[in-house]
N, C-alpha and C. Protein backbone atom coordinates (compact mmCIF):
# COMPACT_ATOMS: atom_id res chain seq x y z
N MET A 1 -29.26 -9.83 -49.84
CA MET A 1 -28.89 -8.77 -48.71
C MET A 1 -27.43 -8.95 -48.07
N GLU A 2 -26.86 -10.31 -48.10
CA GLU A 2 -25.43 -10.40 -47.58
C GLU A 2 -24.52 -9.88 -48.78
N GLY A 3 -24.85 -9.72 -50.06
CA GLY A 3 -23.94 -9.24 -51.04
C GLY A 3 -23.93 -7.60 -50.95
N VAL A 4 -25.15 -7.06 -50.62
CA VAL A 4 -25.24 -5.65 -50.37
C VAL A 4 -24.34 -5.17 -49.16
N LEU A 5 -24.55 -5.98 -48.09
CA LEU A 5 -23.67 -5.50 -46.90
C LEU A 5 -22.20 -5.76 -47.11
N LEU A 6 -21.78 -6.85 -47.72
CA LEU A 6 -20.44 -6.97 -48.06
C LEU A 6 -19.95 -5.89 -49.07
N ALA A 7 -20.66 -5.45 -49.89
CA ALA A 7 -20.11 -4.41 -50.79
C ALA A 7 -20.02 -3.14 -50.01
N TYR A 8 -21.00 -2.88 -49.03
CA TYR A 8 -20.85 -1.69 -48.29
C TYR A 8 -19.62 -1.70 -47.44
N GLU A 9 -19.47 -3.02 -46.82
CA GLU A 9 -18.22 -3.03 -46.00
C GLU A 9 -16.94 -2.80 -46.87
N GLN A 10 -16.74 -3.30 -47.98
CA GLN A 10 -15.72 -3.24 -48.76
C GLN A 10 -15.46 -1.73 -49.13
N GLU A 11 -16.50 -1.07 -49.49
CA GLU A 11 -16.33 0.38 -49.86
C GLU A 11 -16.17 1.19 -48.63
N MET A 12 -16.37 0.87 -47.34
CA MET A 12 -16.02 1.63 -46.29
C MET A 12 -14.67 1.41 -45.87
N LEU A 13 -14.10 0.09 -46.18
CA LEU A 13 -12.86 -0.14 -46.04
C LEU A 13 -11.99 0.60 -46.93
N ARG A 14 -12.32 0.44 -48.20
CA ARG A 14 -11.51 1.34 -49.19
C ARG A 14 -11.30 2.73 -48.76
N ARG A 15 -12.41 3.40 -48.45
CA ARG A 15 -12.43 4.80 -48.07
C ARG A 15 -11.54 5.08 -46.76
N TRP A 16 -11.62 4.11 -45.78
CA TRP A 16 -10.72 4.31 -44.65
C TRP A 16 -9.02 4.14 -45.17
N GLY A 17 -8.88 3.17 -45.99
CA GLY A 17 -7.53 2.98 -46.28
C GLY A 17 -7.08 4.21 -47.12
N GLU A 18 -7.85 4.79 -47.92
CA GLU A 18 -7.42 6.07 -48.73
C GLU A 18 -7.14 7.11 -47.67
N GLU A 19 -8.01 7.30 -46.62
CA GLU A 19 -7.84 8.21 -45.64
C GLU A 19 -6.56 8.06 -44.91
N GLN A 20 -6.26 6.79 -44.56
CA GLN A 20 -5.02 6.56 -43.85
C GLN A 20 -3.84 6.82 -44.77
N GLU A 21 -3.83 6.57 -45.99
CA GLU A 21 -2.65 6.94 -46.96
C GLU A 21 -2.57 8.34 -47.09
N ARG A 22 -3.78 9.23 -47.02
CA ARG A 22 -3.68 10.70 -47.17
C ARG A 22 -3.04 11.24 -45.90
N LEU A 23 -3.19 10.63 -44.70
CA LEU A 23 -2.76 11.24 -43.54
C LEU A 23 -1.42 10.78 -43.09
N ALA A 24 -0.97 9.75 -43.89
CA ALA A 24 0.36 9.14 -43.40
C ALA A 24 1.48 9.97 -43.24
N PRO A 25 1.60 10.96 -44.28
CA PRO A 25 2.79 11.78 -44.10
C PRO A 25 2.63 12.76 -42.87
N PHE A 26 1.57 12.90 -42.35
CA PHE A 26 1.34 14.02 -41.24
C PHE A 26 1.41 13.33 -39.81
N ARG A 27 1.42 11.88 -39.73
CA ARG A 27 1.41 11.26 -38.66
C ARG A 27 2.88 11.47 -37.85
N ARG A 28 2.70 11.76 -36.72
CA ARG A 28 4.00 11.98 -35.76
C ARG A 28 4.10 10.56 -35.24
N GLN A 29 5.35 10.21 -35.03
CA GLN A 29 5.78 8.88 -34.51
C GLN A 29 6.40 9.33 -33.19
N ASP A 30 6.47 10.56 -32.65
CA ASP A 30 7.07 10.87 -31.41
C ASP A 30 5.93 11.53 -30.43
N HIS A 31 6.25 11.66 -29.26
CA HIS A 31 5.14 12.22 -28.42
C HIS A 31 5.68 13.55 -27.99
N ARG A 32 4.82 14.37 -27.83
CA ARG A 32 5.17 15.90 -27.08
C ARG A 32 4.37 15.69 -25.86
N LEU A 33 5.12 15.97 -24.68
CA LEU A 33 4.48 15.88 -23.48
C LEU A 33 4.39 17.22 -22.80
N SER A 34 3.32 17.49 -22.20
CA SER A 34 3.08 18.54 -21.27
C SER A 34 3.24 18.25 -19.79
N HIS A 35 3.85 19.10 -19.17
CA HIS A 35 3.77 18.62 -17.72
C HIS A 35 3.62 19.94 -16.92
N ASP A 36 3.02 19.89 -15.66
CA ASP A 36 2.70 21.14 -14.96
C ASP A 36 2.74 20.59 -13.51
N ASP A 37 3.27 21.41 -12.55
CA ASP A 37 3.25 21.11 -11.15
C ASP A 37 2.66 22.38 -10.49
N MET A 38 1.65 22.14 -9.67
CA MET A 38 1.07 23.28 -8.94
C MET A 38 0.67 22.90 -7.59
N VAL A 39 0.65 24.09 -6.78
CA VAL A 39 0.12 23.71 -5.37
C VAL A 39 -1.20 24.43 -5.12
N LEU A 40 -2.17 23.62 -4.77
CA LEU A 40 -3.57 24.37 -4.63
C LEU A 40 -3.75 24.49 -3.15
N THR A 41 -4.46 25.45 -2.79
CA THR A 41 -4.72 25.67 -1.36
C THR A 41 -6.23 25.50 -1.13
N VAL A 42 -6.61 24.39 -0.22
CA VAL A 42 -7.76 24.06 -0.02
C VAL A 42 -8.22 24.41 1.58
N ASN A 43 -9.41 24.75 1.65
CA ASN A 43 -10.02 25.29 2.95
C ASN A 43 -10.55 23.94 3.57
N TRP A 44 -9.89 23.19 3.96
CA TRP A 44 -10.44 21.90 4.69
C TRP A 44 -10.26 22.19 6.17
N GLU A 45 -11.16 22.38 6.86
CA GLU A 45 -11.08 22.76 8.26
C GLU A 45 -11.72 21.67 9.15
N THR A 46 -11.16 21.50 10.31
CA THR A 46 -11.64 20.41 11.33
C THR A 46 -11.76 21.00 12.66
N ALA A 47 -12.39 20.55 13.60
CA ALA A 47 -12.24 21.12 15.07
C ALA A 47 -10.90 21.36 15.46
N LEU A 48 -10.02 20.43 15.11
CA LEU A 48 -8.73 20.53 15.73
C LEU A 48 -7.77 21.27 14.78
N ASN A 49 -7.89 21.37 13.48
CA ASN A 49 -6.96 21.99 12.64
C ASN A 49 -7.78 23.06 11.67
N ARG A 50 -7.51 24.41 12.10
CA ARG A 50 -8.21 25.44 11.31
C ARG A 50 -7.44 26.12 10.10
N LYS A 51 -6.44 25.39 9.85
CA LYS A 51 -5.54 26.06 8.78
C LYS A 51 -5.90 25.47 7.41
N SER A 52 -5.63 26.04 6.21
CA SER A 52 -5.64 25.55 5.00
C SER A 52 -4.66 24.36 4.62
N THR A 53 -5.12 23.48 3.75
CA THR A 53 -4.29 22.27 3.33
C THR A 53 -3.63 22.58 2.06
N LEU A 54 -2.46 22.36 1.97
CA LEU A 54 -1.71 22.57 0.59
C LEU A 54 -1.78 21.18 -0.12
N LEU A 55 -2.23 21.15 -1.47
CA LEU A 55 -2.18 19.95 -2.24
C LEU A 55 -1.19 20.33 -3.36
N ASN A 56 -0.05 19.28 -3.35
CA ASN A 56 0.81 19.40 -4.46
C ASN A 56 0.35 18.59 -5.65
N CYS A 57 0.13 19.11 -6.74
CA CYS A 57 -0.27 18.54 -7.88
C CYS A 57 0.59 18.32 -9.01
N SER A 58 0.77 17.24 -9.62
CA SER A 58 1.56 16.98 -10.73
C SER A 58 0.77 16.30 -11.90
N VAL A 59 0.73 16.88 -13.12
CA VAL A 59 0.16 16.31 -14.35
C VAL A 59 1.09 16.25 -15.48
N THR A 60 1.08 15.08 -16.19
CA THR A 60 1.83 14.97 -17.36
C THR A 60 0.72 14.32 -18.41
N ALA A 61 0.70 15.17 -19.59
CA ALA A 61 -0.25 14.81 -20.69
C ALA A 61 0.28 14.91 -22.04
N ASP A 62 -0.27 14.15 -22.93
CA ASP A 62 0.15 14.39 -24.38
C ASP A 62 -0.11 15.74 -24.91
N ALA A 63 0.81 16.44 -25.47
CA ALA A 63 0.22 17.86 -25.90
C ALA A 63 -0.62 17.89 -27.05
N ASP A 64 -0.58 16.92 -27.98
CA ASP A 64 -1.41 16.85 -29.11
C ASP A 64 -2.86 16.39 -28.83
N SER A 65 -2.94 15.24 -28.15
CA SER A 65 -4.22 14.73 -28.01
C SER A 65 -5.00 15.11 -26.68
N GLY A 66 -4.20 15.39 -25.58
CA GLY A 66 -4.72 15.74 -24.30
C GLY A 66 -4.90 14.58 -23.57
N PHE A 67 -4.31 13.48 -23.84
CA PHE A 67 -4.42 12.16 -23.28
C PHE A 67 -3.66 12.49 -21.83
N VAL A 68 -4.24 12.11 -20.80
CA VAL A 68 -3.33 12.30 -19.49
C VAL A 68 -2.77 11.01 -19.06
N TYR A 69 -1.46 11.18 -19.01
CA TYR A 69 -0.76 9.86 -18.81
C TYR A 69 -0.48 9.77 -17.24
N ARG A 70 -0.51 10.81 -16.56
CA ARG A 70 -0.27 10.66 -15.07
C ARG A 70 -0.80 11.91 -14.26
N LEU A 71 -1.65 11.77 -13.25
CA LEU A 71 -2.07 12.87 -12.53
C LEU A 71 -1.82 12.38 -11.05
N ASP A 72 -1.06 13.14 -10.12
CA ASP A 72 -0.90 12.96 -8.94
C ASP A 72 -1.17 14.06 -7.93
N VAL A 73 -1.65 13.72 -6.72
CA VAL A 73 -2.00 14.81 -5.73
C VAL A 73 -1.45 14.26 -4.52
N ASP A 74 -0.54 15.02 -4.02
CA ASP A 74 0.06 14.62 -2.77
C ASP A 74 -0.50 15.49 -1.56
N PHE A 75 -1.28 14.78 -0.81
CA PHE A 75 -2.04 15.34 0.40
C PHE A 75 -1.13 15.82 1.49
N ASP A 76 -0.18 15.24 1.72
CA ASP A 76 0.84 15.55 2.76
C ASP A 76 2.45 15.57 2.29
N PRO A 77 2.82 16.70 2.07
CA PRO A 77 4.43 16.59 1.41
C PRO A 77 5.52 16.06 2.11
N ARG A 78 5.05 16.04 3.51
CA ARG A 78 6.11 15.26 4.50
C ARG A 78 6.12 13.78 4.22
N ILE A 79 5.23 13.15 3.56
CA ILE A 79 5.18 11.73 3.35
C ILE A 79 5.97 11.41 2.10
N ALA A 80 6.96 10.48 2.05
CA ALA A 80 7.60 9.96 0.82
C ALA A 80 7.00 8.55 0.48
N PRO A 81 6.19 8.47 -0.59
CA PRO A 81 5.73 7.13 -0.87
C PRO A 81 6.62 6.10 -0.85
N LEU A 82 7.79 6.20 -1.51
CA LEU A 82 8.77 5.11 -1.61
C LEU A 82 9.14 4.63 -0.31
N ASP A 83 9.33 5.52 0.70
CA ASP A 83 9.79 5.23 2.17
C ASP A 83 8.58 4.35 2.64
N THR A 84 7.46 4.90 2.64
CA THR A 84 6.46 4.40 3.07
C THR A 84 6.22 2.80 2.67
N PHE A 85 6.24 2.66 1.23
CA PHE A 85 6.35 1.36 0.71
C PHE A 85 7.45 0.48 1.17
N ARG A 86 8.61 0.85 1.32
CA ARG A 86 9.71 0.10 1.92
C ARG A 86 9.36 -0.31 3.35
N ASN A 87 9.06 0.63 4.17
CA ASN A 87 8.85 0.39 5.54
C ASN A 87 7.71 -0.73 5.71
N ALA A 88 6.68 -0.63 4.89
CA ALA A 88 5.43 -1.54 5.09
C ALA A 88 5.66 -2.87 4.33
N TYR A 89 6.43 -2.98 3.24
CA TYR A 89 6.55 -4.31 2.42
C TYR A 89 7.66 -4.85 2.27
N LEU A 90 8.81 -4.25 2.82
CA LEU A 90 10.17 -4.77 2.48
C LEU A 90 10.95 -5.14 4.02
N ASP A 91 11.76 -6.05 4.02
CA ASP A 91 12.50 -6.26 5.23
C ASP A 91 13.82 -5.27 5.25
N GLU A 92 14.75 -5.59 6.17
CA GLU A 92 15.82 -4.78 6.20
C GLU A 92 16.78 -4.92 5.00
N SER A 93 16.78 -5.99 4.53
CA SER A 93 17.79 -6.45 3.33
C SER A 93 17.03 -5.88 2.00
N GLY A 94 15.66 -5.39 2.00
CA GLY A 94 15.13 -4.87 0.73
C GLY A 94 14.42 -6.23 0.14
N ALA A 95 14.18 -7.34 0.76
CA ALA A 95 13.40 -8.43 0.29
C ALA A 95 11.88 -8.27 0.66
N PRO A 96 11.05 -8.79 -0.21
CA PRO A 96 9.72 -8.51 0.15
C PRO A 96 9.35 -9.25 1.45
N ALA A 97 8.45 -8.56 2.14
CA ALA A 97 8.01 -8.93 3.61
C ALA A 97 6.63 -8.61 3.71
N ASN A 98 5.78 -9.02 4.63
CA ASN A 98 4.52 -8.77 4.92
C ASN A 98 3.61 -8.73 3.73
N LEU A 99 3.81 -9.62 2.92
CA LEU A 99 3.05 -9.74 1.58
C LEU A 99 2.30 -10.93 1.53
N THR A 100 1.12 -11.06 0.93
CA THR A 100 0.42 -12.26 1.03
C THR A 100 -0.43 -12.47 -0.48
N THR A 101 -0.57 -13.68 -0.73
CA THR A 101 -1.21 -13.91 -1.86
C THR A 101 -2.71 -14.24 -1.76
N THR A 102 -3.19 -14.10 -0.50
CA THR A 102 -4.46 -14.39 -0.20
C THR A 102 -5.22 -13.11 -0.03
N TYR A 103 -6.30 -12.75 -0.69
CA TYR A 103 -6.90 -11.38 -0.51
C TYR A 103 -8.39 -11.69 0.03
N THR A 104 -8.72 -10.84 0.87
CA THR A 104 -10.22 -11.00 1.33
C THR A 104 -11.07 -10.05 0.67
């Protein structure tokens, strides 16, 4: 039984190797990226706020495979994430502050 399974694995490996050699000239070593920015209007209403909410969306993906590298949705365009991080975790000189290595 072991000999039969070994022969099967060797044959499958040989076929895979031939397929890789056949496809080698067609392989791309670079990436083609697709990027899109859009604004979506969402009807999120509360008792105090009856207007629509704008969502700023940004997507970057590989054009050939469709693999999504990054997907961002900004719920409030008035908030700058980098400024929020600096204010929360850095002191006036830019050194880390308010950080802890103890997590609950």
